[in-house]
Amino acid sequence: MARKRRMYRYAPTLLRMALGAVFVAHGAQKLFAVWGGPGLGGTASYVGSLGLSPAYPLALLLAVTEFGGGLLLILGALVRWVSLALAIAMAIAIWKVHLANGFFLNWTNAPGRGHGIEYNVVLMAGLLALALTGAGRCPSTNAARDRLRQRPRAAPAFAPAGCDRPRPGVISRITPRSLHAIQTKRSAGFQSPQLP
């Protein structure tokens, strides 16, 4: 049972990596005109044709949200907030672009008919799942968080004289035994040496 619970932590990681890759690719199409994308100018004119204005700033916001949000999802940073922002972008895409075309994608590429909401609904569901669960097992952010938690902390009274806070590595770990040794030396008149 414990093994099964440990495996659950990896599900959000797999989901955010896949969604992050999708959004990086679509954001790159909008920003840099790669992989057959329209670039920022083409995206701005399409946004304007939807009746949204100002078209260029909204196109830039959309492209940066997709590209940057995808990168942040892959890195596992700010996952809940990024997921919400991208879910809002998908909701707007459903409302302004895909809803008029029905539910299903246009698999046959029939002329005059766009794609339905199917794909965007799946993306939005995955993003909302990430907003609820968070990043999952994320080596980069977990390691950074663990390093911050393991930083040596000591009361200013134990810092070398002339320091307003302890230097890293000066007191690596305060244990009851080391605390007793410091108090014993202080009561015997021992003074900490002045550091340069």
N, C-alpha and C. Protein backbone atom coordinates (compact mmCIF):
# COMPACT_ATOMS: atom_id res chain seq x y z
N MET A 1 0.81 -1.20 0.00
CA MET A 1 0.00 0.00 0.00
C MET A 1 0.86 1.27 0.00
N ALA A 2 1.96 1.22 0.77
CA ALA A 2 2.84 2.40 0.82
C ALA A 2 3.47 2.65 -0.54
N ARG A 3 3.82 1.57 -1.24
CA ARG A 3 4.41 1.72 -2.58
C ARG A 3 3.41 2.37 -3.53
N LYS A 4 2.15 1.97 -3.41
CA LYS A 4 1.11 2.53 -4.27
C LYS A 4 0.96 4.03 -4.00
N ARG A 5 1.00 4.41 -2.72
CA ARG A 5 0.89 5.83 -2.37
C ARG A 5 2.07 6.62 -2.91
N ARG A 6 3.26 6.02 -2.88
CA ARG A 6 4.44 6.70 -3.42
C ARG A 6 4.30 6.92 -4.92
N MET A 7 3.71 5.95 -5.61
CA MET A 7 3.55 6.07 -7.05
C MET A 7 2.57 7.17 -7.42
N TYR A 8 1.59 7.44 -6.57
CA TYR A 8 0.62 8.49 -6.85
C TYR A 8 1.30 9.85 -7.00
N ARG A 9 2.42 10.03 -6.31
CA ARG A 9 3.12 11.31 -6.38
C ARG A 9 3.71 11.58 -7.76
N TYR A 10 3.90 10.53 -8.55
CA TYR A 10 4.50 10.70 -9.87
C TYR A 10 3.48 11.02 -10.95
N ALA A 11 2.20 10.79 -10.69
CA ALA A 11 1.16 11.05 -11.70
C ALA A 11 1.11 12.53 -12.09
N PRO A 12 1.08 13.47 -11.13
CA PRO A 12 1.09 14.88 -11.54
C PRO A 12 2.36 15.27 -12.30
N THR A 13 3.48 14.64 -11.98
CA THR A 13 4.72 14.95 -12.69
C THR A 13 4.60 14.58 -14.16
N LEU A 14 4.09 13.40 -14.43
CA LEU A 14 3.91 12.96 -15.81
C LEU A 14 2.93 13.88 -16.55
N LEU A 15 1.85 14.26 -15.87
CA LEU A 15 0.85 15.13 -16.48
C LEU A 15 1.42 16.51 -16.79
N ARG A 16 2.15 17.09 -15.84
CA ARG A 16 2.66 18.45 -16.08
C ARG A 16 3.76 18.47 -17.13
N MET A 17 4.54 17.39 -17.23
CA MET A 17 5.57 17.32 -18.29
C MET A 17 4.91 17.28 -19.67
N ALA A 18 3.87 16.45 -19.81
CA ALA A 18 3.19 16.34 -21.10
C ALA A 18 2.50 17.65 -21.46
N LEU A 19 1.76 18.22 -20.51
CA LEU A 19 1.07 19.49 -20.78
C LEU A 19 2.06 20.61 -21.04
N GLY A 20 3.16 20.62 -20.29
CA GLY A 20 4.18 21.64 -20.50
C GLY A 20 4.76 21.59 -21.90
N ALA A 21 5.03 20.38 -22.40
CA ALA A 21 5.57 20.24 -23.75
C ALA A 21 4.57 20.73 -24.79
N VAL A 22 3.28 20.43 -24.59
CA VAL A 22 2.25 20.88 -25.53
C VAL A 22 2.19 22.40 -25.56
N PHE A 23 2.21 23.04 -24.39
CA PHE A 23 2.09 24.49 -24.35
C PHE A 23 3.36 25.19 -24.81
N VAL A 24 4.52 24.62 -24.56
CA VAL A 24 5.76 25.20 -25.10
C VAL A 24 5.71 25.19 -26.63
N ALA A 25 5.27 24.07 -27.20
CA ALA A 25 5.21 23.97 -28.66
C ALA A 25 4.22 24.97 -29.25
N HIS A 26 3.03 25.07 -28.67
CA HIS A 26 2.04 26.00 -29.21
C HIS A 26 2.42 27.46 -28.95
N GLY A 27 3.04 27.72 -27.81
CA GLY A 27 3.53 29.07 -27.54
C GLY A 27 4.65 29.47 -28.48
N ALA A 28 5.54 28.52 -28.80
CA ALA A 28 6.63 28.81 -29.74
C ALA A 28 6.08 29.09 -31.13
N GLN A 29 5.02 28.40 -31.52
CA GLN A 29 4.39 28.70 -32.81
C GLN A 29 3.89 30.13 -32.85
N LYS A 30 3.29 30.56 -31.76
CA LYS A 30 2.73 31.91 -31.71
C LYS A 30 3.80 32.98 -31.57
N LEU A 31 4.85 32.69 -30.82
CA LEU A 31 5.90 33.69 -30.58
C LEU A 31 6.92 33.75 -31.70
N PHE A 32 7.41 32.60 -32.15
CA PHE A 32 8.58 32.56 -33.02
C PHE A 32 8.30 32.06 -34.43
N ALA A 33 7.07 31.75 -34.75
CA ALA A 33 6.68 31.25 -36.08
C ALA A 33 7.43 29.98 -36.46
N VAL A 34 7.64 29.09 -35.50
CA VAL A 34 8.29 27.80 -35.77
C VAL A 34 7.22 26.73 -35.95
N TRP A 35 7.60 25.60 -36.54
CA TRP A 35 6.72 24.45 -36.74
C TRP A 35 5.42 24.83 -37.44
N GLY A 36 5.51 25.70 -38.40
CA GLY A 36 4.34 26.09 -39.18
C GLY A 36 3.42 27.06 -38.48
N GLY A 37 3.89 27.68 -37.41
CA GLY A 37 3.06 28.62 -36.66
C GLY A 37 2.99 29.98 -37.31
N PRO A 38 2.02 30.79 -36.91
CA PRO A 38 1.81 32.09 -37.54
C PRO A 38 2.75 33.19 -37.07
N GLY A 39 3.44 32.99 -35.97
CA GLY A 39 4.25 34.06 -35.40
C GLY A 39 3.37 35.07 -34.69
N LEU A 40 4.00 36.06 -34.10
CA LEU A 40 3.26 37.04 -33.30
C LEU A 40 2.35 37.90 -34.16
N GLY A 41 2.80 38.28 -35.34
CA GLY A 41 1.98 39.10 -36.23
C GLY A 41 0.73 38.36 -36.69
N GLY A 42 0.90 37.11 -37.10
CA GLY A 42 -0.24 36.30 -37.52
C GLY A 42 -1.20 36.02 -36.39
N THR A 43 -0.65 35.78 -35.20
CA THR A 43 -1.50 35.54 -34.03
C THR A 43 -2.29 36.80 -33.70
N ALA A 44 -1.64 37.97 -33.79
CA ALA A 44 -2.33 39.23 -33.49
C ALA A 44 -3.46 39.48 -34.48
N SER A 45 -3.23 39.21 -35.75
CA SER A 45 -4.32 39.43 -36.71
C SER A 45 -5.45 38.44 -36.50
N TYR A 46 -5.15 37.21 -36.08
CA TYR A 46 -6.21 36.24 -35.80
C TYR A 46 -7.00 36.65 -34.56
N VAL A 47 -6.30 37.11 -33.52
CA VAL A 47 -6.98 37.58 -32.31
C VAL A 47 -7.88 38.76 -32.65
N GLY A 48 -7.42 39.66 -33.51
CA GLY A 48 -8.24 40.78 -33.95
C GLY A 48 -9.47 40.33 -34.72
N SER A 49 -9.33 39.27 -35.53
CA SER A 49 -10.48 38.77 -36.30
C SER A 49 -11.54 38.14 -35.41
N LEU A 50 -11.16 37.78 -34.19
CA LEU A 50 -12.13 37.22 -33.23
C LEU A 50 -12.91 38.31 -32.52
N GLY A 51 -12.55 39.56 -32.77
CA GLY A 51 -13.24 40.68 -32.13
C GLY A 51 -12.64 41.07 -30.80
N LEU A 52 -11.46 40.56 -30.50
CA LEU A 52 -10.78 40.92 -29.25
C LEU A 52 -9.81 42.05 -29.53
N SER A 53 -9.81 43.04 -28.66
CA SER A 53 -8.89 44.15 -28.85
C SER A 53 -8.39 44.62 -27.49
N PRO A 54 -7.22 45.17 -27.41
CA PRO A 54 -6.23 45.39 -28.45
C PRO A 54 -5.58 44.07 -28.85
N ALA A 55 -5.52 43.81 -30.12
CA ALA A 55 -5.13 42.50 -30.64
C ALA A 55 -3.67 42.15 -30.35
N TYR A 56 -2.75 43.08 -30.61
CA TYR A 56 -1.33 42.74 -30.45
C TYR A 56 -0.96 42.44 -28.99
N PRO A 57 -1.35 43.29 -28.02
CA PRO A 57 -1.01 42.96 -26.63
C PRO A 57 -1.66 41.65 -26.16
N LEU A 58 -2.89 41.38 -26.60
CA LEU A 58 -3.54 40.13 -26.21
C LEU A 58 -2.84 38.92 -26.84
N ALA A 59 -2.40 39.07 -28.09
CA ALA A 59 -1.66 37.98 -28.74
C ALA A 59 -0.33 37.73 -28.04
N LEU A 60 0.34 38.81 -27.66
CA LEU A 60 1.60 38.67 -26.94
C LEU A 60 1.37 38.01 -25.58
N LEU A 61 0.32 38.43 -24.88
CA LEU A 61 -0.01 37.82 -23.58
C LEU A 61 -0.30 36.34 -23.74
N LEU A 62 -1.06 35.98 -24.75
CA LEU A 62 -1.39 34.57 -24.99
C LEU A 62 -0.14 33.76 -25.30
N ALA A 63 0.71 34.27 -26.19
CA ALA A 63 1.91 33.54 -26.60
C ALA A 63 2.88 33.37 -25.43
N VAL A 64 3.08 34.43 -24.66
CA VAL A 64 3.99 34.35 -23.51
C VAL A 64 3.41 33.44 -22.44
N THR A 65 2.09 33.50 -22.23
CA THR A 65 1.46 32.63 -21.24
C THR A 65 1.64 31.17 -21.64
N GLU A 66 1.43 30.85 -22.90
CA GLU A 66 1.57 29.46 -23.33
C GLU A 66 3.03 29.00 -23.29
N PHE A 67 3.93 29.79 -23.84
CA PHE A 67 5.34 29.38 -23.90
C PHE A 67 5.97 29.37 -22.50
N GLY A 68 5.85 30.50 -21.79
CA GLY A 68 6.42 30.58 -20.45
C GLY A 68 5.74 29.64 -19.47
N GLY A 69 4.42 29.55 -19.57
CA GLY A 69 3.69 28.64 -18.69
C GLY A 69 4.09 27.20 -18.93
N GLY A 70 4.29 26.83 -20.19
CA GLY A 70 4.74 25.47 -20.49
C GLY A 70 6.11 25.18 -19.90
N LEU A 71 7.02 26.15 -20.01
CA LEU A 71 8.35 25.98 -19.40
C LEU A 71 8.26 25.82 -17.89
N LEU A 72 7.42 26.65 -17.26
CA LEU A 72 7.28 26.56 -15.81
C LEU A 72 6.66 25.23 -15.39
N LEU A 73 5.72 24.72 -16.18
CA LEU A 73 5.16 23.41 -15.87
C LEU A 73 6.23 22.33 -15.96
N ILE A 74 7.05 22.38 -16.99
CA ILE A 74 8.11 21.38 -17.13
C ILE A 74 9.09 21.45 -15.96
N LEU A 75 9.42 22.67 -15.54
CA LEU A 75 10.35 22.85 -14.42
C LEU A 75 9.70 22.57 -13.07
N GLY A 76 8.38 22.57 -13.03
CA GLY A 76 7.67 22.31 -11.78
C GLY A 76 7.58 23.54 -10.89
N ALA A 77 7.66 24.72 -11.46
CA ALA A 77 7.63 25.96 -10.68
C ALA A 77 6.26 26.63 -10.82
N LEU A 78 5.72 27.08 -9.72
CA LEU A 78 4.44 27.81 -9.69
C LEU A 78 3.33 27.03 -10.41
N VAL A 79 3.32 25.73 -10.25
CA VAL A 79 2.45 24.86 -11.04
C VAL A 79 0.98 25.20 -10.86
N ARG A 80 0.55 25.44 -9.65
CA ARG A 80 -0.88 25.72 -9.43
C ARG A 80 -1.32 27.01 -10.12
N TRP A 81 -0.53 28.06 -10.00
CA TRP A 81 -0.88 29.35 -10.60
C TRP A 81 -0.80 29.29 -12.12
N VAL A 82 0.25 28.67 -12.62
CA VAL A 82 0.41 28.55 -14.07
C VAL A 82 -0.72 27.72 -14.66
N SER A 83 -1.10 26.65 -13.98
CA SER A 83 -2.19 25.81 -14.46
C SER A 83 -3.49 26.59 -14.54
N LEU A 84 -3.74 27.42 -13.54
CA LEU A 84 -4.96 28.24 -13.58
C LEU A 84 -4.92 29.25 -14.73
N ALA A 85 -3.78 29.88 -14.94
CA ALA A 85 -3.66 30.85 -16.04
C ALA A 85 -3.87 30.17 -17.40
N LEU A 86 -3.28 29.01 -17.57
CA LEU A 86 -3.44 28.30 -18.84
C LEU A 86 -4.86 27.76 -19.01
N ALA A 87 -5.49 27.35 -17.91
CA ALA A 87 -6.89 26.89 -17.98
C ALA A 87 -7.81 28.04 -18.40
N ILE A 88 -7.52 29.24 -17.91
CA ILE A 88 -8.31 30.41 -18.33
C ILE A 88 -8.11 30.67 -19.83
N ALA A 89 -6.86 30.55 -20.30
CA ALA A 89 -6.60 30.73 -21.73
C ALA A 89 -7.36 29.69 -22.56
N MET A 90 -7.43 28.45 -22.06
CA MET A 90 -8.18 27.41 -22.78
C MET A 90 -9.68 27.68 -22.76
N ALA A 91 -10.18 28.20 -21.65
CA ALA A 91 -11.61 28.54 -21.57
C ALA A 91 -11.96 29.63 -22.58
N ILE A 92 -11.08 30.62 -22.71
CA ILE A 92 -11.32 31.69 -23.69
C ILE A 92 -11.24 31.13 -25.11
N ALA A 93 -10.30 30.22 -25.36
CA ALA A 93 -10.19 29.60 -26.69
C ALA A 93 -11.45 28.79 -27.02
N ILE A 94 -11.98 28.09 -26.03
CA ILE A 94 -13.22 27.34 -26.25
C ILE A 94 -14.34 28.30 -26.60
N TRP A 95 -14.46 29.37 -25.83
CA TRP A 95 -15.56 30.32 -25.99
C TRP A 95 -15.48 31.06 -27.33
N LYS A 96 -14.29 31.58 -27.66
CA LYS A 96 -14.18 32.45 -28.84
C LYS A 96 -13.89 31.71 -30.14
N VAL A 97 -13.30 30.51 -30.07
CA VAL A 97 -12.85 29.86 -31.30
C VAL A 97 -13.58 28.54 -31.57
N HIS A 98 -13.60 27.64 -30.61
CA HIS A 98 -13.97 26.25 -30.88
C HIS A 98 -15.44 25.90 -30.63
N LEU A 99 -16.12 26.63 -29.80
CA LEU A 99 -17.49 26.28 -29.42
C LEU A 99 -18.44 26.24 -30.62
N ALA A 100 -18.26 27.13 -31.56
CA ALA A 100 -19.13 27.17 -32.74
C ALA A 100 -18.95 25.95 -33.64
N ASN A 101 -17.84 25.21 -33.47
CA ASN A 101 -17.55 24.05 -34.32
C ASN A 101 -18.00 22.73 -33.71
N GLY A 102 -18.68 22.79 -32.58
CA GLY A 102 -19.16 21.56 -31.95
C GLY A 102 -18.12 20.95 -31.03
N PHE A 103 -18.31 19.67 -30.73
CA PHE A 103 -17.45 19.00 -29.76
C PHE A 103 -16.20 18.39 -30.39
N PHE A 104 -16.35 17.71 -31.51
CA PHE A 104 -15.27 16.90 -32.06
C PHE A 104 -14.28 17.71 -32.90
N LEU A 105 -13.05 17.19 -32.95
CA LEU A 105 -12.04 17.76 -33.83
C LEU A 105 -12.42 17.49 -35.28
N ASN A 106 -11.92 18.29 -36.17
CA ASN A 106 -12.16 18.12 -37.60
C ASN A 106 -11.10 17.17 -38.15
N TRP A 107 -11.31 15.87 -37.95
CA TRP A 107 -10.31 14.87 -38.31
C TRP A 107 -10.06 14.79 -39.81
N THR A 108 -11.06 15.10 -40.60
CA THR A 108 -10.91 15.01 -42.06
C THR A 108 -10.43 16.31 -42.68
N ASN A 109 -10.25 17.32 -41.85
CA ASN A 109 -9.86 18.65 -42.33
C ASN A 109 -10.82 19.16 -43.41
N ALA A 110 -12.08 18.97 -43.15
CA ALA A 110 -13.10 19.44 -44.09
C ALA A 110 -13.00 20.95 -44.22
N PRO A 111 -13.01 21.48 -45.43
CA PRO A 111 -12.87 22.92 -45.61
C PRO A 111 -14.06 23.67 -45.02
N GLY A 112 -13.76 24.83 -44.46
CA GLY A 112 -14.80 25.68 -43.90
C GLY A 112 -15.26 25.27 -42.51
N ARG A 113 -14.64 24.26 -41.93
CA ARG A 113 -15.03 23.81 -40.59
C ARG A 113 -13.78 23.72 -39.72
N GLY A 114 -13.82 24.38 -38.57
CA GLY A 114 -12.70 24.33 -37.65
C GLY A 114 -12.82 23.17 -36.69
N HIS A 115 -11.92 23.14 -35.74
CA HIS A 115 -11.92 22.08 -34.73
C HIS A 115 -12.89 22.41 -33.61
N GLY A 116 -13.49 21.38 -33.05
CA GLY A 116 -14.40 21.55 -31.93
C GLY A 116 -13.64 21.69 -30.62
N ILE A 117 -14.36 21.57 -29.51
CA ILE A 117 -13.80 21.86 -28.19
C ILE A 117 -13.11 20.66 -27.54
N GLU A 118 -13.15 19.51 -28.16
CA GLU A 118 -12.66 18.26 -27.57
C GLU A 118 -11.24 18.39 -27.00
N TYR A 119 -10.31 18.82 -27.80
CA TYR A 119 -8.90 18.91 -27.40
C TYR A 119 -8.71 19.92 -26.26
N ASN A 120 -9.37 21.06 -26.37
CA ASN A 120 -9.23 22.09 -25.34
C ASN A 120 -9.84 21.65 -24.02
N VAL A 121 -10.91 20.86 -24.07
CA VAL A 121 -11.52 20.34 -22.84
C VAL A 121 -10.55 19.40 -22.14
N VAL A 122 -9.87 18.55 -22.91
CA VAL A 122 -8.90 17.63 -22.32
C VAL A 122 -7.73 18.41 -21.70
N LEU A 123 -7.23 19.41 -22.41
CA LEU A 123 -6.15 20.24 -21.86
C LEU A 123 -6.60 20.95 -20.59
N MET A 124 -7.80 21.50 -20.61
CA MET A 124 -8.29 22.23 -19.44
C MET A 124 -8.50 21.29 -18.26
N ALA A 125 -8.98 20.08 -18.49
CA ALA A 125 -9.16 19.11 -17.41
C ALA A 125 -7.81 18.76 -16.79
N GLY A 126 -6.80 18.53 -17.62
CA GLY A 126 -5.46 18.24 -17.09
C GLY A 126 -4.89 19.40 -16.30
N LEU A 127 -5.11 20.62 -16.78
CA LEU A 127 -4.61 21.80 -16.07
C LEU A 127 -5.32 21.99 -14.74
N LEU A 128 -6.61 21.76 -14.71
CA LEU A 128 -7.35 21.88 -13.45
C LEU A 128 -6.93 20.79 -12.46
N ALA A 129 -6.62 19.60 -12.97
CA ALA A 129 -6.10 18.54 -12.10
C ALA A 129 -4.77 18.97 -11.48
N LEU A 130 -3.90 19.59 -12.27
CA LEU A 130 -2.63 20.09 -11.74
C LEU A 130 -2.84 21.23 -10.75
N ALA A 131 -3.83 22.07 -11.01
CA ALA A 131 -4.12 23.16 -10.07
C ALA A 131 -4.56 22.60 -8.72
N LEU A 132 -5.22 21.46 -8.73
CA LEU A 132 -5.66 20.85 -7.48
C LEU A 132 -4.56 20.05 -6.79
N THR A 133 -3.74 19.34 -7.56
CA THR A 133 -2.74 18.45 -6.96
C THR A 133 -1.38 19.09 -6.76
N GLY A 134 -1.04 20.08 -7.55
CA GLY A 134 0.29 20.66 -7.48
C GLY A 134 1.26 19.93 -8.41
N ALA A 135 2.55 20.15 -8.20
CA ALA A 135 3.59 19.67 -9.12
C ALA A 135 3.83 18.18 -9.05
N GLY A 136 3.48 17.55 -7.95
CA GLY A 136 3.81 16.14 -7.79
C GLY A 136 5.26 15.98 -7.39
N ARG A 137 5.82 14.85 -7.72
CA ARG A 137 7.21 14.57 -7.40
C ARG A 137 8.08 15.34 -8.37
N CYS A 138 8.78 16.31 -7.86
CA CYS A 138 9.56 17.20 -8.73
C CYS A 138 10.98 17.30 -8.19
N PRO A 139 11.93 16.60 -8.77
CA PRO A 139 13.28 16.62 -8.23
C PRO A 139 13.89 18.01 -8.09
N SER A 140 13.68 18.90 -9.06
CA SER A 140 14.35 20.20 -8.99
C SER A 140 13.80 21.05 -7.86
N THR A 141 12.47 21.18 -7.77
CA THR A 141 11.93 22.02 -6.70
C THR A 141 11.99 21.33 -5.36
N ASN A 142 11.86 20.00 -5.31
CA ASN A 142 11.98 19.30 -4.04
C ASN A 142 13.39 19.43 -3.49
N ALA A 143 14.39 19.33 -4.34
CA ALA A 143 15.77 19.46 -3.89
C ALA A 143 16.04 20.86 -3.35
N ALA A 144 15.54 21.88 -4.05
CA ALA A 144 15.72 23.25 -3.58
C ALA A 144 15.03 23.46 -2.24
N ARG A 145 13.81 22.94 -2.11
CA ARG A 145 13.08 23.08 -0.85
C ARG A 145 13.81 22.35 0.27
N ASP A 146 14.32 21.14 -0.01
CA ASP A 146 15.03 20.39 1.02
C ASP A 146 16.31 21.10 1.44
N ARG A 147 17.03 21.71 0.48
CA ARG A 147 18.23 22.46 0.84
C ARG A 147 17.89 23.63 1.75
N LEU A 148 16.78 24.31 1.47
CA LEU A 148 16.39 25.43 2.32
C LEU A 148 16.02 24.95 3.72
N ARG A 149 15.38 23.81 3.81
CA ARG A 149 15.00 23.27 5.12
C ARG A 149 16.20 22.80 5.91
N GLN A 150 17.27 22.37 5.24
CA GLN A 150 18.43 21.84 5.94
C GLN A 150 19.49 22.89 6.24
N ARG A 151 19.23 24.13 5.88
CA ARG A 151 20.20 25.18 6.18
C ARG A 151 20.43 25.24 7.68
N PRO A 152 21.67 25.46 8.07
CA PRO A 152 21.93 25.58 9.50
C PRO A 152 21.29 26.85 10.05
N ARG A 153 20.60 26.67 11.13
CA ARG A 153 19.97 27.82 11.78
C ARG A 153 20.41 27.83 13.24
N ALA A 154 20.74 28.99 13.70
CA ALA A 154 21.15 29.11 15.09
C ALA A 154 20.71 30.46 15.61
N ALA A 155 20.56 30.54 16.89
CA ALA A 155 20.19 31.81 17.51
C ALA A 155 21.37 32.76 17.40
N PRO A 156 21.13 34.07 17.29
CA PRO A 156 22.23 35.02 17.16
C PRO A 156 23.23 34.94 18.31
N ALA A 157 22.82 34.46 19.48
CA ALA A 157 23.74 34.37 20.62
C ALA A 157 24.88 33.41 20.33
N PHE A 158 24.70 32.48 19.43
CA PHE A 158 25.74 31.50 19.14
C PHE A 158 26.59 31.90 17.94
N ALA A 159 26.30 33.01 17.34
CA ALA A 159 27.08 33.46 16.19
C ALA A 159 28.40 34.04 16.67
N PRO A 160 29.43 33.96 15.83
CA PRO A 160 30.69 34.59 16.21
C PRO A 160 30.50 36.08 16.46
N ALA A 161 31.32 36.62 17.33
CA ALA A 161 31.19 38.04 17.67
C ALA A 161 31.35 38.88 16.41
N GLY A 162 30.57 39.93 16.30
CA GLY A 162 30.64 40.82 15.16
C GLY A 162 29.74 40.40 14.01
N CYS A 163 29.06 39.28 14.13
CA CYS A 163 28.15 38.81 13.08
C CYS A 163 26.72 39.00 13.56
N ASP A 164 25.88 39.55 12.70
CA ASP A 164 24.48 39.68 13.09
C ASP A 164 23.71 38.39 12.80
N ARG A 165 24.28 37.50 11.99
CA ARG A 165 23.68 36.19 11.78
C ARG A 165 24.80 35.20 11.48
N PRO A 166 24.59 33.95 11.76
CA PRO A 166 25.67 32.98 11.56
C PRO A 166 26.04 32.82 10.10
N ARG A 167 27.32 32.63 9.86
CA ARG A 167 27.78 32.37 8.51
C ARG A 167 27.52 30.89 8.19
N PRO A 168 27.26 30.58 6.91
CA PRO A 168 27.04 29.18 6.57
C PRO A 168 28.25 28.34 6.93
N GLY A 169 28.01 27.23 7.59
CA GLY A 169 29.07 26.31 7.95
C GLY A 169 29.71 26.60 9.29
N VAL A 170 29.47 27.78 9.90
CA VAL A 170 30.07 28.07 11.20
C VAL A 170 29.46 27.15 12.24
N ILE A 171 28.18 27.11 12.28
CA ILE A 171 27.49 26.19 13.17
C ILE A 171 26.61 25.34 12.27
N SER A 172 27.06 24.14 12.01
CA SER A 172 26.33 23.32 11.06
C SER A 172 25.09 22.71 11.68
N ARG A 173 25.17 22.41 12.97
CA ARG A 173 24.02 21.77 13.59
C ARG A 173 24.08 21.97 15.09
N ILE A 174 23.03 22.49 15.65
CA ILE A 174 22.95 22.66 17.09
C ILE A 174 22.24 21.44 17.67
N THR A 175 22.96 20.70 18.47
CA THR A 175 22.36 19.56 19.17
C THR A 175 22.36 19.88 20.65
N PRO A 176 21.59 19.16 21.44
CA PRO A 176 21.63 19.41 22.89
C PRO A 176 23.03 19.29 23.47
N ARG A 177 23.84 18.34 22.96
CA ARG A 177 25.20 18.17 23.48
C ARG A 177 26.07 19.38 23.14
N SER A 178 26.00 19.87 21.86
CA SER A 178 26.83 21.01 21.49
C SER A 178 26.35 22.28 22.18
N LEU A 179 25.06 22.43 22.39
CA LEU A 179 24.53 23.58 23.11
C LEU A 179 25.04 23.58 24.54
N HIS A 180 25.07 22.42 25.18
CA HIS A 180 25.58 22.32 26.55
C HIS A 180 27.07 22.68 26.59
N ALA A 181 27.83 22.23 25.58
CA ALA A 181 29.26 22.54 25.54
C ALA A 181 29.49 24.03 25.39
N ILE A 182 28.70 24.70 24.56
CA ILE A 182 28.84 26.15 24.38
C ILE A 182 28.51 26.88 25.66
N GLN A 183 27.43 26.48 26.31
CA GLN A 183 27.03 27.14 27.56
C GLN A 183 28.07 26.92 28.65
N THR A 184 28.66 25.74 28.71
CA THR A 184 29.68 25.45 29.71
C THR A 184 30.92 26.31 29.48
N LYS A 185 31.35 26.44 28.23
CA LYS A 185 32.52 27.27 27.92
C LYS A 185 32.25 28.73 28.21
N ARG A 186 31.05 29.20 27.92
CA ARG A 186 30.72 30.61 28.17
C ARG A 186 30.71 30.89 29.67
N SER A 187 30.16 29.95 30.44
CA SER A 187 30.11 30.19 31.89
C SER A 187 31.49 30.13 32.51
N ALA A 188 32.45 29.46 31.84
CA ALA A 188 33.81 29.39 32.34
C ALA A 188 34.64 30.60 31.91
N GLY A 189 34.02 31.56 31.20
CA GLY A 189 34.72 32.76 30.81
C GLY A 189 35.32 32.72 29.42
N PHE A 190 35.06 31.69 28.66
CA PHE A 190 35.58 31.58 27.30
C PHE A 190 34.85 32.56 26.40
N GLN A 191 35.61 33.32 25.61
CA GLN A 191 35.04 34.28 24.67
C GLN A 191 35.29 33.79 23.26
N SER A 192 34.30 33.98 22.39
CA SER A 192 34.47 33.61 20.98
C SER A 192 35.51 34.52 20.35
N PRO A 193 36.39 33.98 19.52
CA PRO A 193 37.39 34.83 18.86
C PRO A 193 36.71 35.75 17.85
N GLN A 194 37.30 36.93 17.70
CA GLN A 194 36.79 37.89 16.72
C GLN A 194 37.18 37.42 15.32
N LEU A 195 36.22 37.39 14.43
CA LEU A 195 36.51 37.01 13.05
C LEU A 195 36.73 38.27 12.23
N PRO A 196 37.58 38.20 11.21
CA PRO A 196 37.84 39.39 10.38
C PRO A 196 36.62 39.78 9.59
